[in-house]
Amino acid sequence: MTHADKTISISSEESERISILKVWLTFMIVFIHSADSNINFGAGTLYMYNPPWLVILKYTVSEVLSRVAVPAFFFLSAYFLFKKEFSWTENIIKKVKSLMVPYLIMNSFWVLFYFAAQSIPSLSPFFSNPDNLVSTWNLKDWLEHYFGSRANYAPLLYPLWFVRNLFILNVLAPVYKWFVQKTRYFSLIVFVILWLTLESTHIFFLDIQSVCFFGIGCFFAIEKISFSESDRFRVPAAVIYPCLVLASVLLRNQEGFIKMFICRLCFLTGMFFWYIFATRIKAQRLKDMLLFVARYSFCIYLFHEMNLSILRKILVRSLPHTGFFSAALYLGMPFVIISLCLLISRFLDRFIPGLYRIISGGRGAG
């Protein structure tokens, strides 16, 4: 197979749609992390009041609609990797710069921030867990807070688990390529069945969702299946996806295979639905705004948890704990956090572009 045969061309319209899709997915991830009602302080955990209607709303948005985001990002990452020929060595060198350098910088910054906050009396009540003081870490603690452990798969800045897993999967890219090329549609069946049946399985640091959606993206790329193919399923997706969302919400208190199967089928359908929905953006100003946000989506992912954690701690200590406050915090926080991350990213990009390119893994937005 020649290089020309292997390459998948993506039109400018498809590129815009994918960029807009990344914005939806970024908002979803922030909504997932905004749903936590347990706020950890040095003296203990504060539990926010959630009225029943807010519990349902949080479940619908953060646990059903938004859970498509992470598998979709693994899918997209694999698709864009395998849609063209690449050298394993060159790809790993590139991924060290674009993934591992930001990973180490951001996790180190968070470690230093915690150490400084725990050392300042006025801030220590917000960040000093007596069982997890940076000053008392041993070598095992340092390794676990940087790379995760079998008990806790995430580093200290826990959203970075995605970046770590994505790097490991890139290391394994030749295995994926060989398996998909040799088995073709059988590989797709294997990935889908493993994902549908193995709910909480981990292979070392890698969760089954990461493994499978990276593989599904690899399959779509090697089989040269274009994103535009999903447009043929616009009407079915518009009907089936809301039904699956409703079913997932109604089954929220159930356990077992049926609930897991319905929820995961909802995730799969949601990937197509949200990509198709990206074509419905007709207002040019809105489209331009979303494309602007998309340029900074990776840095929003890197920065959002720090800002979310700090701002939420301040607000829950300052404002009354009512159902209205909990709802306003949940619904408004993602927009505030993404705006703040955009300001930070834009400031660095404009005034300290060298630092921004390092932190963003070479993704200078210009």
Protein backbone atom coordinates (compact mmCIF):
# COMPACT_ATOMS: atom_id res chain seq x y z
CA MET A 1 0.00 0.00 0.00
CA THR A 2 1.51 3.29 -1.07
CA HIS A 3 1.59 6.51 0.86
CA ALA A 4 -0.99 7.99 -1.52
CA ASP A 5 -3.32 5.02 -0.97
CA LYS A 6 -3.01 5.34 2.77
CA THR A 7 -3.69 9.03 3.19
CA ILE A 8 -7.20 10.24 3.95
CA SER A 9 -7.96 13.75 2.80
CA ILE A 10 -10.13 15.91 5.04
CA SER A 11 -11.94 18.85 3.50
CA SER A 12 -11.92 22.29 5.09
CA GLU A 13 -15.60 21.83 5.97
CA GLU A 14 -14.88 18.53 7.74
CA SER A 15 -11.93 20.14 9.52
CA GLU A 16 -14.20 22.92 10.81
CA ARG A 17 -16.78 20.40 11.96
CA ILE A 18 -14.17 18.39 13.84
CA SER A 19 -12.85 21.57 15.47
CA ILE A 20 -16.37 22.50 16.59
CA LEU A 21 -16.85 18.94 17.84
CA LYS A 22 -13.70 19.35 19.97
CA VAL A 23 -15.27 22.41 21.59
CA TRP A 24 -18.41 20.41 22.48
CA LEU A 25 -16.21 17.67 23.91
CA THR A 26 -14.13 20.16 25.90
CA PHE A 27 -17.26 21.65 27.48
CA MET A 28 -18.44 18.14 28.29
CA ILE A 29 -15.23 17.30 30.12
CA VAL A 30 -15.49 20.45 32.23
CA PHE A 31 -19.13 19.58 33.00
CA ILE A 32 -18.04 16.11 34.11
CA HIS A 33 -15.54 17.58 36.54
CA SER A 34 -18.00 20.26 37.71
CA ALA A 35 -20.53 17.70 38.88
CA ASP A 36 -18.65 16.64 42.01
CA SER A 37 -20.56 17.71 45.11
CA ASN A 38 -17.78 16.73 47.54
CA ILE A 39 -15.30 19.56 48.07
CA ASN A 40 -12.12 18.51 49.85
CA PHE A 41 -10.54 20.83 52.42
CA GLY A 42 -7.71 20.29 54.85
CA ALA A 43 -10.08 19.70 57.77
CA GLY A 44 -12.36 17.36 55.87
CA THR A 45 -14.86 17.15 53.01
CA LEU A 46 -17.75 19.55 52.50
CA TYR A 47 -20.85 17.97 50.94
CA MET A 48 -22.93 20.36 48.86
CA TYR A 49 -26.72 20.13 48.96
CA ASN A 50 -28.30 18.85 45.75
CA PRO A 51 -32.11 18.85 45.46
CA PRO A 52 -33.53 15.80 43.63
CA TRP A 53 -34.09 17.66 40.38
CA LEU A 54 -30.44 18.79 40.35
CA VAL A 55 -29.27 15.22 40.95
CA ILE A 56 -31.16 14.16 37.82
CA LEU A 57 -29.87 17.14 35.84
CA LYS A 58 -26.26 16.42 36.84
CA TYR A 59 -26.63 12.78 35.95
CA THR A 60 -28.15 13.62 32.56
CA VAL A 61 -25.55 16.19 31.58
CA SER A 62 -22.38 14.88 33.22
CA GLU A 63 -22.92 11.12 33.30
CA VAL A 64 -24.89 10.57 30.09
CA LEU A 65 -24.44 13.39 27.57
CA SER A 66 -20.87 14.28 28.51
CA ARG A 67 -19.36 10.82 28.97
CA VAL A 68 -18.95 10.57 25.21
CA ALA A 69 -16.14 13.16 25.38
CA VAL A 70 -13.21 11.05 26.57
CA PRO A 71 -13.73 8.07 24.22
CA ALA A 72 -14.31 10.52 21.37
CA PHE A 73 -10.96 12.20 22.01
CA PHE A 74 -9.18 8.81 21.98
CA PHE A 75 -10.99 7.99 18.74
CA LEU A 76 -10.02 11.28 17.11
CA SER A 77 -6.39 11.02 18.24
CA ALA A 78 -6.03 7.58 16.70
CA TYR A 79 -7.89 8.55 13.54
CA PHE A 80 -5.58 11.47 12.81
CA LEU A 81 -2.51 9.38 13.62
CA PHE A 82 -3.34 6.41 11.39
CA LYS A 83 -4.89 8.31 8.49
CA LYS A 84 -1.38 8.82 7.11
CA GLU A 85 1.89 6.92 7.07
CA PHE A 86 4.21 7.70 9.97
CA SER A 87 7.53 6.66 11.43
CA TRP A 88 7.25 5.21 14.93
CA THR A 89 10.42 6.99 16.07
CA GLU A 90 9.40 10.35 14.63
CA ASN A 91 5.91 10.02 16.08
CA ILE A 92 7.20 9.23 19.57
CA ILE A 93 9.62 12.17 19.46
CA LYS A 94 6.71 14.37 18.42
CA LYS A 95 4.46 12.96 21.15
CA VAL A 96 7.12 13.51 23.82
CA LYS A 97 6.97 17.19 22.90
CA SER A 98 3.21 17.45 22.44
CA LEU A 99 2.08 15.19 25.32
CA MET A 100 4.76 14.28 27.88
CA VAL A 101 6.37 17.71 28.20
CA PRO A 102 3.01 19.43 28.97
CA TYR A 103 2.15 16.48 31.25
CA LEU A 104 5.30 16.86 33.34
CA ILE A 105 5.16 20.67 33.40
CA MET A 106 1.52 20.89 34.49
CA ASN A 107 1.76 18.12 37.08
CA SER A 108 4.95 19.70 38.48
CA PHE A 109 3.27 23.09 38.66
CA TRP A 110 0.36 21.54 40.58
CA VAL A 111 2.77 19.79 42.98
CA LEU A 112 4.60 23.07 43.62
CA PHE A 113 1.31 24.91 44.05
CA TYR A 114 0.12 22.37 46.64
CA PHE A 115 3.45 22.54 48.46
CA ALA A 116 3.33 26.35 48.57
CA ALA A 117 -0.37 26.44 49.59
CA GLN A 118 0.20 23.88 52.34
CA SER A 119 3.08 26.00 53.66
CA ILE A 120 1.07 29.24 53.90
CA PRO A 121 -1.16 29.36 57.01
CA SER A 122 -3.95 31.33 55.34
CA LEU A 123 -4.14 28.85 52.43
CA SER A 124 -3.34 25.57 54.13
CA PRO A 125 -6.97 24.95 55.31
CA PHE A 126 -7.97 24.76 51.64
CA PHE A 127 -5.26 22.35 50.46
CA SER A 128 -3.73 20.54 53.46
CA ASN A 129 -4.88 16.98 53.75
CA PRO A 130 -2.99 15.63 56.81
CA ASP A 131 -2.65 12.27 55.07
CA ASN A 132 -1.24 13.75 51.88
CA LEU A 133 1.25 16.55 52.57
CA VAL A 134 3.82 17.12 49.82
CA SER A 135 6.53 17.67 52.44
CA THR A 136 6.04 14.12 53.76
CA TRP A 137 6.08 12.26 50.42
CA ASN A 138 8.57 9.44 49.99
CA LEU A 139 9.87 8.13 46.64
CA LYS A 140 6.83 5.89 46.17
CA ASP A 141 4.48 8.82 46.83
CA TRP A 142 6.32 10.99 44.29
CA LEU A 143 6.11 8.30 41.61
CA GLU A 144 2.41 7.70 42.31
CA HIS A 145 1.55 11.41 42.21
CA TYR A 146 3.35 11.77 38.89
CA PHE A 147 2.36 8.58 37.11
CA GLY A 148 -0.45 6.98 39.11
CA SER A 149 -0.58 3.59 40.81
CA ARG A 150 -2.59 0.40 40.71
CA ALA A 151 -4.83 1.79 43.45
CA ASN A 152 -5.16 5.26 41.90
CA TYR A 153 -4.63 5.36 38.15
CA ALA A 154 -4.38 9.15 37.92
CA PRO A 155 -1.49 11.53 38.71
CA LEU A 156 -1.92 14.41 41.15
CA LEU A 157 -3.47 16.61 38.45
CA TYR A 158 -5.88 13.83 37.63
CA PRO A 159 -7.18 14.91 34.17
CA LEU A 160 -3.64 14.25 32.93
CA TRP A 161 -4.37 10.51 33.01
CA PHE A 162 -5.77 11.02 29.50
CA VAL A 163 -2.49 12.53 28.27
CA ARG A 164 -0.46 9.73 29.87
CA ASN A 165 -2.66 7.01 28.37
CA LEU A 166 -2.61 8.66 24.96
CA PHE A 167 1.20 8.66 24.99
CA ILE A 168 1.32 4.96 25.95
CA LEU A 169 -1.13 4.11 23.18
CA ASN A 170 1.06 5.97 20.69
CA VAL A 171 3.96 3.80 21.82
CA LEU A 172 1.78 0.78 21.01
CA ALA A 173 0.68 2.20 17.63
CA PRO A 174 2.54 -0.41 15.52
CA VAL A 175 0.69 -3.21 17.38
CA TYR A 176 -2.66 -1.57 16.62
CA LYS A 177 -1.74 -1.04 12.98
CA TRP A 178 -0.64 -4.66 12.53
CA PHE A 179 -3.74 -6.06 14.25
CA VAL A 180 -6.22 -3.92 12.30
CA GLN A 181 -4.53 -4.50 8.94
CA LYS A 182 -4.40 -8.26 9.51
CA THR A 183 -7.92 -8.75 10.86
CA ARG A 184 -9.80 -5.74 9.46
CA TYR A 185 -13.49 -5.83 10.50
CA PHE A 186 -12.80 -8.55 13.05
CA SER A 187 -10.65 -6.03 14.94
CA LEU A 188 -13.61 -3.60 15.12
CA ILE A 189 -15.81 -6.36 16.52
CA VAL A 190 -13.15 -7.21 19.11
CA PHE A 191 -12.75 -3.59 20.24
CA VAL A 192 -16.50 -3.02 20.51
CA ILE A 193 -17.18 -6.26 22.38
CA LEU A 194 -14.32 -5.68 24.83
CA TRP A 195 -15.59 -2.18 25.54
CA LEU A 196 -19.20 -3.30 25.95
CA THR A 197 -18.41 -6.21 28.26
CA LEU A 198 -15.40 -5.19 30.36
CA GLU A 199 -16.72 -2.26 32.38
CA SER A 200 -13.89 -1.41 34.80
CA THR A 201 -10.95 -3.41 33.49
CA HIS A 202 -7.47 -1.91 33.51
CA ILE A 203 -4.35 -3.19 31.80
CA PHE A 204 -1.70 -1.62 34.00
CA PHE A 205 -2.53 2.12 33.67
CA LEU A 206 -4.71 1.71 30.59
CA ASP A 207 -8.45 1.47 31.06
CA ILE A 208 -10.38 -0.62 28.56
CA GLN A 209 -12.11 2.47 27.16
CA SER A 210 -8.78 4.05 26.15
CA VAL A 211 -7.57 0.81 24.56
CA CYS A 212 -10.75 0.18 22.59
CA PHE A 213 -11.53 3.66 21.26
CA PHE A 214 -7.96 4.17 20.16
CA GLY A 215 -8.38 0.90 18.29
CA ILE A 216 -11.71 1.92 16.78
CA GLY A 217 -10.15 5.17 15.58
CA CYS A 218 -7.29 3.15 14.09
CA PHE A 219 -9.80 0.94 12.26
CA PHE A 220 -11.72 3.89 10.81
CA ALA A 221 -8.50 5.46 9.56
CA ILE A 222 -6.99 2.30 8.03
CA GLU A 223 -10.29 1.42 6.37
CA LYS A 224 -10.44 5.02 5.11
CA ILE A 225 -13.91 5.67 6.48
CA SER A 226 -14.60 9.40 6.19
CA PHE A 227 -16.32 11.44 8.88
CA SER A 228 -18.77 12.62 6.25
CA GLU A 229 -20.18 9.06 6.09
CA SER A 230 -22.00 9.82 9.34
CA ASP A 231 -24.21 12.34 7.52
CA ARG A 232 -26.13 9.43 6.02
CA PHE A 233 -27.33 8.58 9.53
CA ARG A 234 -28.47 12.08 10.45
CA VAL A 235 -32.15 11.24 10.87
CA PRO A 236 -31.64 7.91 12.71
CA ALA A 237 -29.11 9.54 15.05
CA ALA A 238 -31.52 12.41 15.79
CA VAL A 239 -34.17 9.87 16.80
CA ILE A 240 -32.15 7.10 18.44
CA TYR A 241 -29.74 9.21 20.49
CA PRO A 242 -32.39 11.13 22.53
CA CYS A 243 -34.15 7.80 23.19
CA LEU A 244 -30.91 6.26 24.46
CA VAL A 245 -30.26 9.34 26.62
CA LEU A 246 -33.74 9.04 28.14
CA ALA A 247 -33.29 5.30 28.72
CA SER A 248 -29.91 5.87 30.38
CA VAL A 249 -31.43 8.43 32.75
CA LEU A 250 -34.38 6.18 33.62
CA LEU A 251 -31.96 3.34 34.39
CA ARG A 252 -29.68 5.50 36.54
CA ASN A 253 -30.50 3.65 39.76
CA GLN A 254 -30.23 0.20 38.19
CA GLU A 255 -27.24 -2.11 38.05
CA GLY A 256 -26.20 -4.84 35.66
CA PHE A 257 -25.41 -5.51 32.04
CA ILE A 258 -28.54 -3.94 30.52
CA LYS A 259 -27.82 -0.54 32.03
CA MET A 260 -24.16 -0.72 31.02
CA PHE A 261 -25.05 -1.80 27.48
CA ILE A 262 -27.64 0.98 27.02
CA CYS A 263 -25.28 3.64 28.41
CA ARG A 264 -22.39 2.56 26.22
CA LEU A 265 -24.57 2.33 23.14
CA CYS A 266 -25.61 5.88 24.02
CA PHE A 267 -21.94 6.94 24.02
CA LEU A 268 -21.34 5.40 20.59
CA THR A 269 -24.42 7.03 19.09
CA GLY A 270 -23.52 10.32 20.76
CA MET A 271 -20.20 10.49 18.92
CA PHE A 272 -22.04 10.56 15.60
CA PHE A 273 -24.81 12.81 16.90
CA TRP A 274 -22.48 15.56 18.13
CA TYR A 275 -20.39 15.48 14.95
CA ILE A 276 -23.56 15.76 12.85
CA PHE A 277 -24.83 18.53 15.13
CA ALA A 278 -21.67 20.53 14.33
CA THR A 279 -23.07 21.04 10.81
CA ARG A 280 -26.14 22.78 12.21
CA ILE A 281 -24.14 25.84 13.28
CA LYS A 282 -25.11 28.35 10.62
CA ALA A 283 -24.51 31.70 12.35
CA GLN A 284 -21.05 32.79 11.19
CA ARG A 285 -20.21 34.75 14.34
CA LEU A 286 -21.00 31.76 16.52
CA LYS A 287 -18.99 29.48 14.26
CA ASP A 288 -16.02 31.85 14.33
CA MET A 289 -16.19 31.99 18.13
CA LEU A 290 -16.26 28.19 18.42
CA LEU A 291 -13.34 27.83 16.01
CA PHE A 292 -11.41 30.37 18.11
CA VAL A 293 -12.07 28.36 21.26
CA ALA A 294 -11.03 25.17 19.44
CA ARG A 295 -7.53 26.59 18.88
CA TYR A 296 -7.01 26.53 22.65
CA SER A 297 -8.89 23.31 23.49
CA PHE A 298 -5.78 21.42 24.64
CA CYS A 299 -4.72 24.17 27.03
CA ILE A 300 -8.28 24.47 28.33
CA TYR A 301 -8.00 20.77 29.16
CA LEU A 302 -4.64 21.32 30.89
CA PHE A 303 -5.72 24.38 32.89
CA HIS A 304 -9.36 23.75 33.73
CA GLU A 305 -9.01 21.48 36.77
CA MET A 306 -6.66 23.83 38.66
CA ASN A 307 -8.95 26.80 38.14
CA LEU A 308 -12.07 24.77 38.85
CA SER A 309 -10.69 23.38 42.10
CA ILE A 310 -9.50 26.73 43.43
CA LEU A 311 -12.57 28.75 42.43
CA ARG A 312 -15.00 26.14 43.73
CA LYS A 313 -13.27 26.02 47.13
CA ILE A 314 -13.48 29.80 47.40
CA LEU A 315 -17.15 29.97 46.41
CA VAL A 316 -18.41 27.18 48.66
CA ARG A 317 -16.68 28.82 51.61
CA SER A 318 -18.17 32.23 50.77
CA LEU A 319 -21.77 31.58 49.67
CA PRO A 320 -24.78 29.83 51.24
CA HIS A 321 -25.27 26.14 50.53
CA THR A 322 -28.68 26.10 48.94
CA GLY A 323 -30.13 24.19 46.01
CA PHE A 324 -30.08 27.36 43.93
CA PHE A 325 -26.40 27.96 44.72
CA SER A 326 -25.51 24.35 43.85
CA ALA A 327 -27.37 24.61 40.54
CA ALA A 328 -25.81 27.98 39.67
CA LEU A 329 -22.37 26.64 40.53
CA TYR A 330 -22.84 23.53 38.41
CA LEU A 331 -24.35 25.25 35.37
CA GLY A 332 -22.26 28.40 35.45
CA MET A 333 -18.86 27.11 36.48
CA PRO A 334 -17.93 25.45 33.14
CA PHE A 335 -18.50 28.71 31.24
CA VAL A 336 -16.53 30.72 33.81
CA ILE A 337 -13.68 28.21 33.86
CA ILE A 338 -13.41 27.91 30.09
CA SER A 339 -13.45 31.72 29.76
CA LEU A 340 -10.70 31.97 32.38
CA CYS A 341 -8.64 29.28 30.66
CA LEU A 342 -9.07 31.10 27.36
CA LEU A 343 -7.81 34.32 28.93
CA ILE A 344 -4.78 32.57 30.40
CA SER A 345 -4.04 30.77 27.12
CA ARG A 346 -4.51 33.90 25.03
CA PHE A 347 -2.31 35.95 27.36
CA LEU A 348 0.51 33.40 27.23
CA ASP A 349 0.15 32.93 23.49
CA ARG A 350 0.31 36.65 22.83
CA PHE A 351 2.84 37.89 25.37
CA ILE A 352 4.95 34.81 26.22
CA PRO A 353 4.61 32.71 23.05
CA GLY A 354 7.73 30.63 23.73
CA LEU A 355 6.40 29.49 27.10
CA TYR A 356 2.97 28.90 25.64
CA ARG A 357 4.34 26.67 22.88
CA ILE A 358 6.21 24.57 25.45
CA ILE A 359 3.21 24.23 27.77
CA SER A 360 0.85 23.50 24.88
CA GLY A 361 3.20 20.97 23.31
CA GLY A 362 3.95 23.10 20.27
CA ARG A 363 0.33 24.08 19.66
CA GLY A 364 0.92 27.81 19.18
CA ALA A 365 -2.45 29.26 18.19
CA GLY A 366 -1.07 32.46 16.72
